[in-house]
Each structure stands twice: as C-alpha cells, then as structure tokens.
C-alpha cells in the first residue's frame, strides 16, 4: 500500500469541486475502480493522470501534496545518509559538527 494522504487530498478536492468519481474517471479515461484505488491510497496516479486530476478538480500540486513534503525531506535525509556512509569517519564527523552548529543557531 502506498501513502494514502495524496489520495485523501485528491478526494477532498474532488468532492469540494462537486465532482463524482465517475466524472473524474471519464475525464482522465480510467475506470472508477482506478479512481477509488487512488483515493484509498492503494495506488498513485501516473504523472500524466495526476496533472489531469489537478486540472479537473481545480487544485494546485502544492495544495494537494503539502502533507507529503515532510516525507520527502525524510527521504532526502536518508539519501544523504547513504552518501555519508561512504565517507571516512573524519569527514562524517566534520559534517556532524557542521549540522550541530547550524541546529544551535
């Protein structure tokens, strides 16, 4: 199962626009089951369909995805940690000191 917050936000904006799942499905050319799966968080829409959904419900990407930004930052921190693990201990300690200084301010 994927993160359901995106689907919940899509559903919220769709309902706010007064549109049904059937109308959205017809607009983007998928089944109602596909829309239901997206809104329940079972699947993510393709990028192309995500753009169509945003246009149909009249919402910006920022509005629909705002809760996912924190998770993206966690993912970025994880990527950086993977890179840092390849450094020698002295370099890692230098980076940790820099981070600690920044966090103290």
PDB file of N, CA and C in Angstrom:
ATOM      1  N   UNK A   1       0.841  -1.183   0.000  1.00  0.00           N
ATOM      2  CA  UNK A   1       0.000   0.000   0.000  1.00  0.00           C
ATOM      3  C   UNK A   1       0.885   1.246   0.000  1.00  0.00           C
ATOM      4  N   UNK A   2       0.502   2.225  -0.756  1.00  0.00           N
ATOM      5  CA  UNK A   2       1.233   3.482  -0.817  1.00  0.00           C
ATOM      6  C   UNK A   2       0.669   4.441   0.232  1.00  0.00           C
ATOM      7  N   UNK A   3       1.338   5.557   0.416  1.00  0.00           N
ATOM      8  CA  UNK A   3       0.882   6.583   1.353  1.00  0.00           C
ATOM      9  C   UNK A   3      -0.486   7.086   0.907  1.00  0.00           C
ATOM     10  N   UNK A   4      -1.458   7.042   1.807  1.00  0.00           N
ATOM     11  CA  UNK A   4      -2.837   7.366   1.423  1.00  0.00           C
ATOM     12  C   UNK A   4      -3.155   8.859   1.466  1.00  0.00           C
ATOM     13  N   UNK A   5      -2.234   9.675   1.983  1.00  0.00           N
ATOM     14  CA  UNK A   5      -2.551  11.104   2.121  1.00  0.00           C
ATOM     15  C   UNK A   5      -2.811  11.792   0.789  1.00  0.00           C
ATOM     16  N   UNK A   6      -2.070  11.422  -0.242  1.00  0.00           N
ATOM     17  CA  UNK A   6      -2.286  12.028  -1.554  1.00  0.00           C
ATOM     18  C   UNK A   6      -3.694  11.725  -2.042  1.00  0.00           C
ATOM     19  N   UNK A   7      -4.099  10.476  -1.948  1.00  0.00           N
ATOM     20  CA  UNK A   7      -5.440  10.087  -2.384  1.00  0.00           C
ATOM     21  C   UNK A   7      -6.526  10.786  -1.589  1.00  0.00           C
ATOM     22  N   UNK A   8      -6.319  10.924  -0.292  1.00  0.00           N
ATOM     23  CA  UNK A   8      -7.301  11.617   0.552  1.00  0.00           C
ATOM     24  C   UNK A   8      -7.450  13.070   0.141  1.00  0.00           C
ATOM     25  N   UNK A   9      -6.332  13.707  -0.198  1.00  0.00           N
ATOM     26  CA  UNK A   9      -6.390  15.109  -0.633  1.00  0.00           C
ATOM     27  C   UNK A   9      -7.085  15.225  -1.997  1.00  0.00           C
ATOM     28  N   UNK A  10      -6.795  14.295  -2.887  1.00  0.00           N
ATOM     29  CA  UNK A  10      -7.471  14.293  -4.195  1.00  0.00           C
ATOM     30  C   UNK A  10      -8.967  14.147  -3.985  1.00  0.00           C
ATOM     31  N   UNK A  11      -9.366  13.218  -3.149  1.00  0.00           N
ATOM     32  CA  UNK A  11     -10.794  13.019  -2.874  1.00  0.00           C
ATOM     33  C   UNK A  11     -11.419  14.282  -2.286  1.00  0.00           C
ATOM     34  N   UNK A  12     -10.731  14.897  -1.332  1.00  0.00           N
ATOM     35  CA  UNK A  12     -11.262  16.097  -0.697  1.00  0.00           C
ATOM     36  C   UNK A  12     -11.508  17.202  -1.729  1.00  0.00           C
ATOM     37  N   UNK A  13     -10.529  17.440  -2.599  1.00  0.00           N
ATOM     38  CA  UNK A  13     -10.683  18.491  -3.606  1.00  0.00           C
ATOM     39  C   UNK A  13     -11.710  18.111  -4.666  1.00  0.00           C
ATOM     40  N   UNK A  14     -11.792  16.833  -4.994  1.00  0.00           N
ATOM     41  CA  UNK A  14     -12.812  16.389  -5.957  1.00  0.00           C
ATOM     42  C   UNK A  14     -14.199  16.656  -5.398  1.00  0.00           C
ATOM     43  N   UNK A  15     -14.418  16.276  -4.144  1.00  0.00           N
ATOM     44  CA  UNK A  15     -15.723  16.497  -3.512  1.00  0.00           C
ATOM     45  C   UNK A  15     -16.008  17.991  -3.349  1.00  0.00           C
ATOM     46  N   UNK A  16     -14.997  18.752  -3.024  1.00  0.00           N
ATOM     47  CA  UNK A  16     -15.155  20.209  -2.898  1.00  0.00           C
ATOM     48  C   UNK A  16     -15.588  20.821  -4.231  1.00  0.00           C
ATOM     49  N   UNK A  17     -15.096  20.249  -5.331  1.00  0.00           N
ATOM     50  CA  UNK A  17     -15.466  20.726  -6.669  1.00  0.00           C
ATOM     51  C   UNK A  17     -16.828  20.210  -7.105  1.00  0.00           C
ATOM     52  N   UNK A  18     -17.430  19.345  -6.278  1.00  0.00           N
ATOM     53  CA  UNK A  18     -18.747  18.813  -6.612  1.00  0.00           C
ATOM     54  C   UNK A  18     -18.723  17.785  -7.727  1.00  0.00           C
ATOM     55  N   UNK A  19     -17.612  17.088  -7.861  1.00  0.00           N
ATOM     56  CA  UNK A  19     -17.459  16.098  -8.936  1.00  0.00           C
ATOM     57  C   UNK A  19     -17.500  14.689  -8.353  1.00  0.00           C
ATOM     58  N   UNK A  20     -17.998  13.744  -9.146  1.00  0.00           N
ATOM     59  CA  UNK A  20     -18.069  12.349  -8.719  1.00  0.00           C
ATOM     60  C   UNK A  20     -16.824  11.598  -9.193  1.00  0.00           C
ATOM     61  N   UNK A  21     -16.618  10.424  -8.610  1.00  0.00           N
ATOM     62  CA  UNK A  21     -15.538   9.561  -9.081  1.00  0.00           C
ATOM     63  C   UNK A  21     -15.761   9.180 -10.538  1.00  0.00           C
ATOM     64  N   UNK A  22     -17.004   8.952 -10.896  1.00  0.00           N
ATOM     65  CA  UNK A  22     -17.323   8.577 -12.276  1.00  0.00           C
ATOM     66  C   UNK A  22     -16.954   9.700 -13.251  1.00  0.00           C
ATOM     67  N   UNK A  23     -17.277  10.937 -12.893  1.00  0.00           N
ATOM     68  CA  UNK A  23     -16.923  12.071 -13.756  1.00  0.00           C
ATOM     69  C   UNK A  23     -15.411  12.190 -13.913  1.00  0.00           C
ATOM     70  N   UNK A  24     -14.693  12.035 -12.810  1.00  0.00           N
ATOM     71  CA  UNK A  24     -13.235  12.116 -12.873  1.00  0.00           C
ATOM     72  C   UNK A  24     -12.669  10.974 -13.715  1.00  0.00           C
ATOM     73  N   UNK A  25     -13.177   9.773 -13.510  1.00  0.00           N
ATOM     74  CA  UNK A  25     -12.712   8.618 -14.283  1.00  0.00           C
ATOM     75  C   UNK A  25     -12.927   8.840 -15.774  1.00  0.00           C
ATOM     76  N   UNK A  26     -14.100   9.325 -16.146  1.00  0.00           N
ATOM     77  CA  UNK A  26     -14.390   9.595 -17.558  1.00  0.00           C
ATOM     78  C   UNK A  26     -13.469  10.675 -18.108  1.00  0.00           C
ATOM     79  N   UNK A  27     -13.201  11.704 -17.315  1.00  0.00           N
ATOM     80  CA  UNK A  27     -12.361  12.822 -17.763  1.00  0.00           C
ATOM     81  C   UNK A  27     -10.942  12.363 -18.080  1.00  0.00           C
ATOM     82  N   UNK A  28     -10.381  11.509 -17.209  1.00  0.00           N
ATOM     83  CA  UNK A  28      -8.991  11.110 -17.456  1.00  0.00           C
ATOM     84  C   UNK A  28      -8.872   9.781 -18.205  1.00  0.00           C
ATOM     85  N   UNK A  29     -10.002   9.103 -18.440  1.00  0.00           N
ATOM     86  CA  UNK A  29     -10.001   7.889 -19.244  1.00  0.00           C
ATOM     87  C   UNK A  29      -9.557   6.639 -18.501  1.00  0.00           C
ATOM     88  N   UNK A  30      -9.975   6.529 -17.247  1.00  0.00           N
ATOM     89  CA  UNK A  30      -9.673   5.328 -16.462  1.00  0.00           C
ATOM     90  C   UNK A  30     -10.969   4.809 -15.853  1.00  0.00           C
ATOM     91  N   UNK A  31     -10.898   3.669 -15.187  1.00  0.00           N
ATOM     92  CA  UNK A  31     -12.088   3.105 -14.558  1.00  0.00           C
ATOM     93  C   UNK A  31     -12.362   3.788 -13.212  1.00  0.00           C
ATOM     94  N   UNK A  32     -13.609   3.664 -12.761  1.00  0.00           N
ATOM     95  CA  UNK A  32     -13.966   4.176 -11.433  1.00  0.00           C
ATOM     96  C   UNK A  32     -13.141   3.456 -10.373  1.00  0.00           C
ATOM     97  N   UNK A  33     -12.865   2.183 -10.594  1.00  0.00           N
ATOM     98  CA  UNK A  33     -12.039   1.414  -9.657  1.00  0.00           C
ATOM     99  C   UNK A  33     -10.650   2.032  -9.526  1.00  0.00           C
ATOM    100  N   UNK A  34     -10.103   2.504 -10.627  1.00  0.00           N
ATOM    101  CA  UNK A  34      -8.790   3.162 -10.587  1.00  0.00           C
ATOM    102  C   UNK A  34      -8.831   4.408  -9.720  1.00  0.00           C
ATOM    103  N   UNK A  35      -9.892   5.197  -9.875  1.00  0.00           N
ATOM    104  CA  UNK A  35     -10.038   6.410  -9.060  1.00  0.00           C
ATOM    105  C   UNK A  35     -10.200   6.027  -7.594  1.00  0.00           C
ATOM    106  N   UNK A  36     -11.010   5.029  -7.325  1.00  0.00           N
ATOM    107  CA  UNK A  36     -11.201   4.563  -5.953  1.00  0.00           C
ATOM    108  C   UNK A  36      -9.879   4.108  -5.345  1.00  0.00           C
ATOM    109  N   UNK A  37      -9.086   3.366  -6.119  1.00  0.00           N
ATOM    110  CA  UNK A  37      -7.787   2.903  -5.629  1.00  0.00           C
ATOM    111  C   UNK A  37      -6.840   4.063  -5.324  1.00  0.00           C
ATOM    112  N   UNK A  38      -6.873   5.086  -6.149  1.00  0.00           N
ATOM    113  CA  UNK A  38      -6.045   6.270  -5.909  1.00  0.00           C
ATOM    114  C   UNK A  38      -6.499   6.965  -4.631  1.00  0.00           C
ATOM    115  N   UNK A  39      -7.796   7.180  -4.503  1.00  0.00           N
ATOM    116  CA  UNK A  39      -8.314   7.912  -3.347  1.00  0.00           C
ATOM    117  C   UNK A  39      -8.157   7.130  -2.044  1.00  0.00           C
ATOM    118  N   UNK A  40      -8.159   5.813  -2.110  1.00  0.00           N
ATOM    119  CA  UNK A  40      -7.961   4.987  -0.913  1.00  0.00           C
ATOM    120  C   UNK A  40      -6.489   4.837  -0.562  1.00  0.00           C
ATOM    121  N   UNK A  41      -5.617   5.204  -1.484  1.00  0.00           N
ATOM    122  CA  UNK A  41      -4.192   5.071  -1.238  1.00  0.00           C
ATOM    123  C   UNK A  41      -3.625   3.734  -1.654  1.00  0.00           C
ATOM    124  N   UNK A  42      -4.373   2.955  -2.415  1.00  0.00           N
ATOM    125  CA  UNK A  42      -3.872   1.671  -2.893  1.00  0.00           C
ATOM    126  C   UNK A  42      -2.898   1.849  -4.058  1.00  0.00           C
ATOM    127  N   UNK A  43      -3.070   2.929  -4.818  1.00  0.00           N
ATOM    128  CA  UNK A  43      -2.207   3.238  -5.963  1.00  0.00           C
ATOM    129  C   UNK A  43      -1.997   4.744  -6.052  1.00  0.00           C
ATOM    130  N   UNK A  44      -0.886   5.116  -6.688  1.00  0.00           N
ATOM    131  CA  UNK A  44      -0.662   6.509  -7.071  1.00  0.00           C
ATOM    132  C   UNK A  44      -1.074   6.661  -8.531  1.00  0.00           C
ATOM    133  N   UNK A  45      -1.559   7.835  -8.911  1.00  0.00           N
ATOM    134  CA  UNK A  45      -1.813   8.055 -10.340  1.00  0.00           C
ATOM    135  C   UNK A  45      -0.485   8.234 -11.076  1.00  0.00           C
ATOM    136  N   UNK A  46      -0.491   7.950 -12.363  1.00  0.00           N
ATOM    137  CA  UNK A  46       0.690   8.274 -13.171  1.00  0.00           C
ATOM    138  C   UNK A  46       0.844   9.794 -13.166  1.00  0.00           C
ATOM    139  N   UNK A  47       2.015  10.269 -13.538  1.00  0.00           N
ATOM    140  CA  UNK A  47       2.233  11.718 -13.573  1.00  0.00           C
ATOM    141  C   UNK A  47       1.247  12.389 -14.521  1.00  0.00           C
ATOM    142  N   UNK A  48       1.056  11.791 -15.690  1.00  0.00           N
ATOM    143  CA  UNK A  48       0.124  12.350 -16.678  1.00  0.00           C
ATOM    144  C   UNK A  48      -1.293  12.435 -16.099  1.00  0.00           C
ATOM    145  N   UNK A  49      -1.728  11.364 -15.439  1.00  0.00           N
ATOM    146  CA  UNK A  49      -3.068  11.369 -14.851  1.00  0.00           C
ATOM    147  C   UNK A  49      -3.162  12.305 -13.653  1.00  0.00           C
ATOM    148  N   UNK A  50      -2.079  12.444 -12.916  1.00  0.00           N
ATOM    149  CA  UNK A  50      -2.070  13.378 -11.789  1.00  0.00           C
ATOM    150  C   UNK A  50      -2.329  14.804 -12.279  1.00  0.00           C
ATOM    151  N   UNK A  51      -1.694  15.185 -13.374  1.00  0.00           N
ATOM    152  CA  UNK A  51      -1.909  16.519 -13.956  1.00  0.00           C
ATOM    153  C   UNK A  51      -3.364  16.665 -14.404  1.00  0.00           C
ATOM    154  N   UNK A  52      -3.903  15.635 -15.043  1.00  0.00           N
ATOM    155  CA  UNK A  52      -5.312  15.679 -15.468  1.00  0.00           C
ATOM    156  C   UNK A  52      -6.238  15.817 -14.259  1.00  0.00           C
ATOM    157  N   UNK A  53      -5.941  15.074 -13.188  1.00  0.00           N
ATOM    158  CA  UNK A  53      -6.753  15.154 -11.974  1.00  0.00           C
ATOM    159  C   UNK A  53      -6.725  16.564 -11.415  1.00  0.00           C
ATOM    160  N   UNK A  54      -5.533  17.156 -11.326  1.00  0.00           N
ATOM    161  CA  UNK A  54      -5.414  18.521 -10.792  1.00  0.00           C
ATOM    162  C   UNK A  54      -6.223  19.509 -11.621  1.00  0.00           C
ATOM    163  N   UNK A  55      -6.140  19.379 -12.933  1.00  0.00           N
ATOM    164  CA  UNK A  55      -6.912  20.272 -13.795  1.00  0.00           C
ATOM    165  C   UNK A  55      -8.413  20.075 -13.595  1.00  0.00           C
ATOM    166  N   UNK A  56      -8.836  18.837 -13.446  1.00  0.00           N
ATOM    167  CA  UNK A  56     -10.256  18.537 -13.288  1.00  0.00           C
ATOM    168  C   UNK A  56     -10.811  19.046 -11.960  1.00  0.00           C
ATOM    169  N   UNK A  57     -10.047  18.863 -10.883  1.00  0.00           N
ATOM    170  CA  UNK A  57     -10.546  19.272  -9.560  1.00  0.00           C
ATOM    171  C   UNK A  57     -10.213  20.721  -9.224  1.00  0.00           C
ATOM    172  N   UNK A  58      -9.431  21.372 -10.092  1.00  0.00           N
ATOM    173  CA  UNK A  58      -9.113  22.783  -9.885  1.00  0.00           C
ATOM    174  C   UNK A  58      -8.215  23.042  -8.690  1.00  0.00           C
ATOM    175  N   UNK A  59      -7.252  22.159  -8.464  1.00  0.00           N
ATOM    176  CA  UNK A  59      -6.341  22.307  -7.330  1.00  0.00           C
ATOM    177  C   UNK A  59      -4.897  22.349  -7.827  1.00  0.00           C
ATOM    178  N   UNK A  60      -4.056  23.041  -7.071  1.00  0.00           N
ATOM    179  CA  UNK A  60      -2.639  23.115  -7.424  1.00  0.00           C
ATOM    180  C   UNK A  60      -1.899  21.902  -6.861  1.00  0.00           C
ATOM    181  N   UNK A  61      -0.754  21.560  -7.444  1.00  0.00           N
ATOM    182  CA  UNK A  61       0.050  20.469  -6.887  1.00  0.00           C
ATOM    183  C   UNK A  61       0.427  20.737  -5.427  1.00  0.00           C
ATOM    184  N   UNK A  62       0.762  21.988  -5.111  1.00  0.00           N
ATOM    185  CA  UNK A  62       1.140  22.330  -3.738  1.00  0.00           C
ATOM    186  C   UNK A  62       0.004  22.060  -2.765  1.00  0.00           C
ATOM    187  N   UNK A  63      -1.194  22.417  -3.139  1.00  0.00           N
ATOM    188  CA  UNK A  63      -2.336  22.215  -2.252  1.00  0.00           C
ATOM    189  C   UNK A  63      -2.584  20.734  -2.005  1.00  0.00           C
ATOM    190  N   UNK A  64      -2.478  19.942  -3.043  1.00  0.00           N
ATOM    191  CA  UNK A  64      -2.771  18.515  -2.921  1.00  0.00           C
ATOM    192  C   UNK A  64      -1.642  17.758  -2.225  1.00  0.00           C
ATOM    193  N   UNK A  65      -0.407  18.199  -2.404  1.00  0.00           N
ATOM    194  CA  UNK A  65       0.732  17.433  -1.906  1.00  0.00           C
ATOM    195  C   UNK A  65       1.381  18.009  -0.655  1.00  0.00           C
ATOM    196  N   UNK A  66       0.809  19.040  -0.040  1.00  0.00           N
ATOM    197  CA  UNK A  66       1.521  19.731   1.029  1.00  0.00           C
ATOM    198  C   UNK A  66       1.902  18.821   2.188  1.00  0.00           C
ATOM    199  N   UNK A  67       1.107  17.826   2.514  1.00  0.00           N
ATOM    200  CA  UNK A  67       1.425  16.931   3.629  1.00  0.00           C
ATOM    201  C   UNK A  67       2.565  15.981   3.292  1.00  0.00           C
ATOM    202  N   UNK A  68       2.856  15.785   2.028  1.00  0.00           N
ATOM    203  CA  UNK A  68       3.886  14.842   1.628  1.00  0.00           C
ATOM    204  C   UNK A  68       5.281  15.449   1.653  1.00  0.00           C
ATOM    205  N   UNK A  69       5.377  16.773   1.783  1.00  0.00           N
ATOM    206  CA  UNK A  69       6.679  17.434   1.749  1.00  0.00           C
ATOM    207  C   UNK A  69       7.570  16.949   2.888  1.00  0.00           C
ATOM    208  N   UNK A  70       7.016  16.812   4.095  1.00  0.00           N
ATOM    209  CA  UNK A  70       7.814  16.348   5.222  1.00  0.00           C
ATOM    210  C   UNK A  70       8.405  14.972   4.927  1.00  0.00           C
ATOM    211  N   UNK A  71       7.600  14.094   4.345  1.00  0.00           N
ATOM    212  CA  UNK A  71       8.100  12.766   3.998  1.00  0.00           C
ATOM    213  C   UNK A  71       9.205  12.872   2.958  1.00  0.00           C
ATOM    214  N   UNK A  72       9.090  13.805   2.036  1.00  0.00           N
ATOM    215  CA  UNK A  72      10.131  13.996   1.027  1.00  0.00           C
ATOM    216  C   UNK A  72      11.428  14.428   1.688  1.00  0.00           C
ATOM    217  N   UNK A  73      11.345  15.257   2.723  1.00  0.00           N
ATOM    218  CA  UNK A  73      12.548  15.687   3.430  1.00  0.00           C
ATOM    219  C   UNK A  73      13.191  14.516   4.159  1.00  0.00           C
ATOM    220  N   UNK A  74      12.388  13.629   4.721  1.00  0.00           N
ATOM    221  CA  UNK A  74      12.924  12.432   5.373  1.00  0.00           C
ATOM    222  C   UNK A  74      13.633  11.568   4.335  1.00  0.00           C
ATOM    223  N   UNK A  75      13.046  11.440   3.163  1.00  0.00           N
ATOM    224  CA  UNK A  75      13.666  10.663   2.097  1.00  0.00           C
ATOM    225  C   UNK A  75      14.995  11.284   1.681  1.00  0.00           C
ATOM    226  N   UNK A  76      15.031  12.605   1.588  1.00  0.00           N
ATOM    227  CA  UNK A  76      16.271  13.310   1.221  1.00  0.00           C
ATOM    228  C   UNK A  76      17.346  13.090   2.278  1.00  0.00           C
ATOM    229  N   UNK A  77      16.965  13.161   3.558  1.00  0.00           N
ATOM    230  CA  UNK A  77      17.920  12.921   4.638  1.00  0.00           C
ATOM    231  C   UNK A  77      18.470  11.497   4.548  1.00  0.00           C
ATOM    232  N   UNK A  78      17.614  10.554   4.202  1.00  0.00           N
ATOM    233  CA  UNK A  78      18.050   9.166   4.060  1.00  0.00           C
ATOM    234  C   UNK A  78      19.045   9.024   2.908  1.00  0.00           C
ATOM    235  N   UNK A  79      18.790   9.709   1.803  1.00  0.00           N
ATOM    236  CA  UNK A  79      19.711   9.678   0.666  1.00  0.00           C
ATOM    237  C   UNK A  79      21.066  10.254   1.057  1.00  0.00           C
ATOM    238  N   UNK A  80      21.038  11.374   1.796  1.00  0.00           N
ATOM    239  CA  UNK A  80      22.294  11.990   2.221  1.00  0.00           C
ATOM    240  C   UNK A  80      23.056  11.072   3.168  1.00  0.00           C
ATOM    241  N   UNK A  81      22.335  10.418   4.068  1.00  0.00           N
ATOM    242  CA  UNK A  81      22.990   9.496   4.986  1.00  0.00           C
ATOM    243  C   UNK A  81      23.651   8.361   4.211  1.00  0.00           C
ATOM    244  N   UNK A  82      22.993   7.846   3.181  1.00  0.00           N
ATOM    245  CA  UNK A  82      23.593   6.788   2.365  1.00  0.00           C
ATOM    246  C   UNK A  82      24.908   7.265   1.746  1.00  0.00           C
ATOM    247  N   UNK A  83      24.949   8.507   1.301  1.00  0.00           N
ATOM    248  CA  UNK A  83      26.188   9.062   0.748  1.00  0.00           C
ATOM    249  C   UNK A  83      27.235   9.242   1.833  1.00  0.00           C
ATOM    250  N   UNK A  84      26.799   9.707   3.008  1.00  0.00           N
ATOM    251  CA  UNK A  84      27.739   9.941   4.099  1.00  0.00           C
ATOM    252  C   UNK A  84      28.373   8.649   4.588  1.00  0.00           C
ATOM    253  N   UNK A  85      27.650   7.553   4.533  1.00  0.00           N
ATOM    254  CA  UNK A  85      28.192   6.267   4.988  1.00  0.00           C
ATOM    255  C   UNK A  85      29.417   5.853   4.186  1.00  0.00           C
ATOM    256  N   UNK A  86      29.528   6.354   2.980  1.00  0.00           N
ATOM    257  CA  UNK A  86      30.675   6.002   2.129  1.00  0.00           C
ATOM    258  C   UNK A  86      31.909   6.844   2.454  1.00  0.00           C
ATOM    259  N   UNK A  87      31.721   7.888   3.251  1.00  0.00           N
ATOM    260  CA  UNK A  87      32.848   8.749   3.634  1.00  0.00           C
ATOM    261  C   UNK A  87      33.616   8.134   4.792  1.00  0.00           C
ATOM    262  N   UNK A  88      34.878   8.564   4.942  1.00  0.00           N
ATOM    263  CA  UNK A  88      35.624   8.094   6.101  1.00  0.00           C
ATOM    264  C   UNK A  88      35.088   8.785   7.360  1.00  0.00           C
ATOM    265  N   UNK A  89      35.449   8.261   8.520  1.00  0.00           N
ATOM    266  CA  UNK A  89      34.913   8.728   9.802  1.00  0.00           C
ATOM    267  C   UNK A  89      35.203  10.203  10.044  1.00  0.00           C
ATOM    268  N   UNK A  90      36.384  10.674   9.651  1.00  0.00           N
ATOM    269  CA  UNK A  90      36.721  12.088   9.869  1.00  0.00           C
ATOM    270  C   UNK A  90      35.789  13.015   9.093  1.00  0.00           C
ATOM    271  N   UNK A  91      35.517  12.685   7.843  1.00  0.00           N
ATOM    272  CA  UNK A  91      34.611  13.511   7.025  1.00  0.00           C
ATOM    273  C   UNK A  91      33.203  13.503   7.618  1.00  0.00           C
ATOM    274  N   UNK A  92      32.728  12.327   8.030  1.00  0.00           N
ATOM    275  CA  UNK A  92      31.395  12.253   8.652  1.00  0.00           C
ATOM    276  C   UNK A  92      31.330  13.107   9.907  1.00  0.00           C
ATOM    277  N   UNK A  93      32.367  13.053  10.729  1.00  0.00           N
ATOM    278  CA  UNK A  93      32.381  13.858  11.953  1.00  0.00           C
ATOM    279  C   UNK A  93      32.381  15.347  11.643  1.00  0.00           C
ATOM    280  N   UNK A  94      33.072  15.757  10.595  1.00  0.00           N
ATOM    281  CA  UNK A  94      33.048  17.160  10.182  1.00  0.00           C
ATOM    282  C   UNK A  94      31.626  17.581   9.804  1.00  0.00           C
ATOM    283  N   UNK A  95      30.954  16.742   9.057  1.00  0.00           N
ATOM    284  CA  UNK A  95      29.578  17.041   8.647  1.00  0.00           C
ATOM    285  C   UNK A  95      28.673  17.116   9.866  1.00  0.00           C
ATOM    286  N   UNK A  96      28.839  16.186  10.804  1.00  0.00           N
ATOM    287  CA  UNK A  96      28.024  16.215  12.022  1.00  0.00           C
ATOM    288  C   UNK A  96      28.263  17.491  12.823  1.00  0.00           C
ATOM    289  N   UNK A  97      29.512  17.930  12.900  1.00  0.00           N
ATOM    290  CA  UNK A  97      29.801  19.182  13.624  1.00  0.00           C
ATOM    291  C   UNK A  97      29.125  20.377  12.950  1.00  0.00           C
ATOM    292  N   UNK A  98      29.168  20.406  11.630  1.00  0.00           N
ATOM    293  CA  UNK A  98      28.523  21.497  10.888  1.00  0.00           C
ATOM    294  C   UNK A  98      27.015  21.489  11.154  1.00  0.00           C
ATOM    295  N   UNK A  99      26.417  20.332  11.108  1.00  0.00           N
ATOM    296  CA  UNK A  99      24.974  20.221  11.358  1.00  0.00           C
ATOM    297  C   UNK A  99      24.645  20.666  12.773  1.00  0.00           C
ATOM    298  N   UNK A 100      25.438  20.237  13.738  1.00  0.00           N
ATOM    299  CA  UNK A 100      25.200  20.642  15.131  1.00  0.00           C
ATOM    300  C   UNK A 100      25.294  22.159  15.292  1.00  0.00           C
ATOM    301  N   UNK A 101      26.264  22.775  14.639  1.00  0.00           N
ATOM    302  CA  UNK A 101      26.383  24.238  14.704  1.00  0.00           C
ATOM    303  C   UNK A 101      25.162  24.912  14.111  1.00  0.00           C
ATOM    304  N   UNK A 102      24.720  24.423  12.960  1.00  0.00           N
ATOM    305  CA  UNK A 102      23.538  25.006  12.324  1.00  0.00           C
ATOM    306  C   UNK A 102      22.289  24.846  13.181  1.00  0.00           C
ATOM    307  N   UNK A 103      22.170  23.722  13.858  1.00  0.00           N
ATOM    308  CA  UNK A 103      20.989  23.464  14.687  1.00  0.00           C
ATOM    309  C   UNK A 103      21.000  24.295  15.964  1.00  0.00           C
ATOM    310  N   UNK A 104      22.176  24.702  16.426  1.00  0.00           N
ATOM    311  CA  UNK A 104      22.254  25.520  17.639  1.00  0.00           C
ATOM    312  C   UNK A 104      21.802  26.948  17.411  1.00  0.00           C
ATOM    313  N   UNK A 105      21.896  27.422  16.178  1.00  0.00           N
ATOM    314  CA  UNK A 105      21.537  28.825  15.883  1.00  0.00           C
ATOM    315  C   UNK A 105      20.050  29.027  15.808  1.00  0.00           C
TER     316      UNK A 105
END
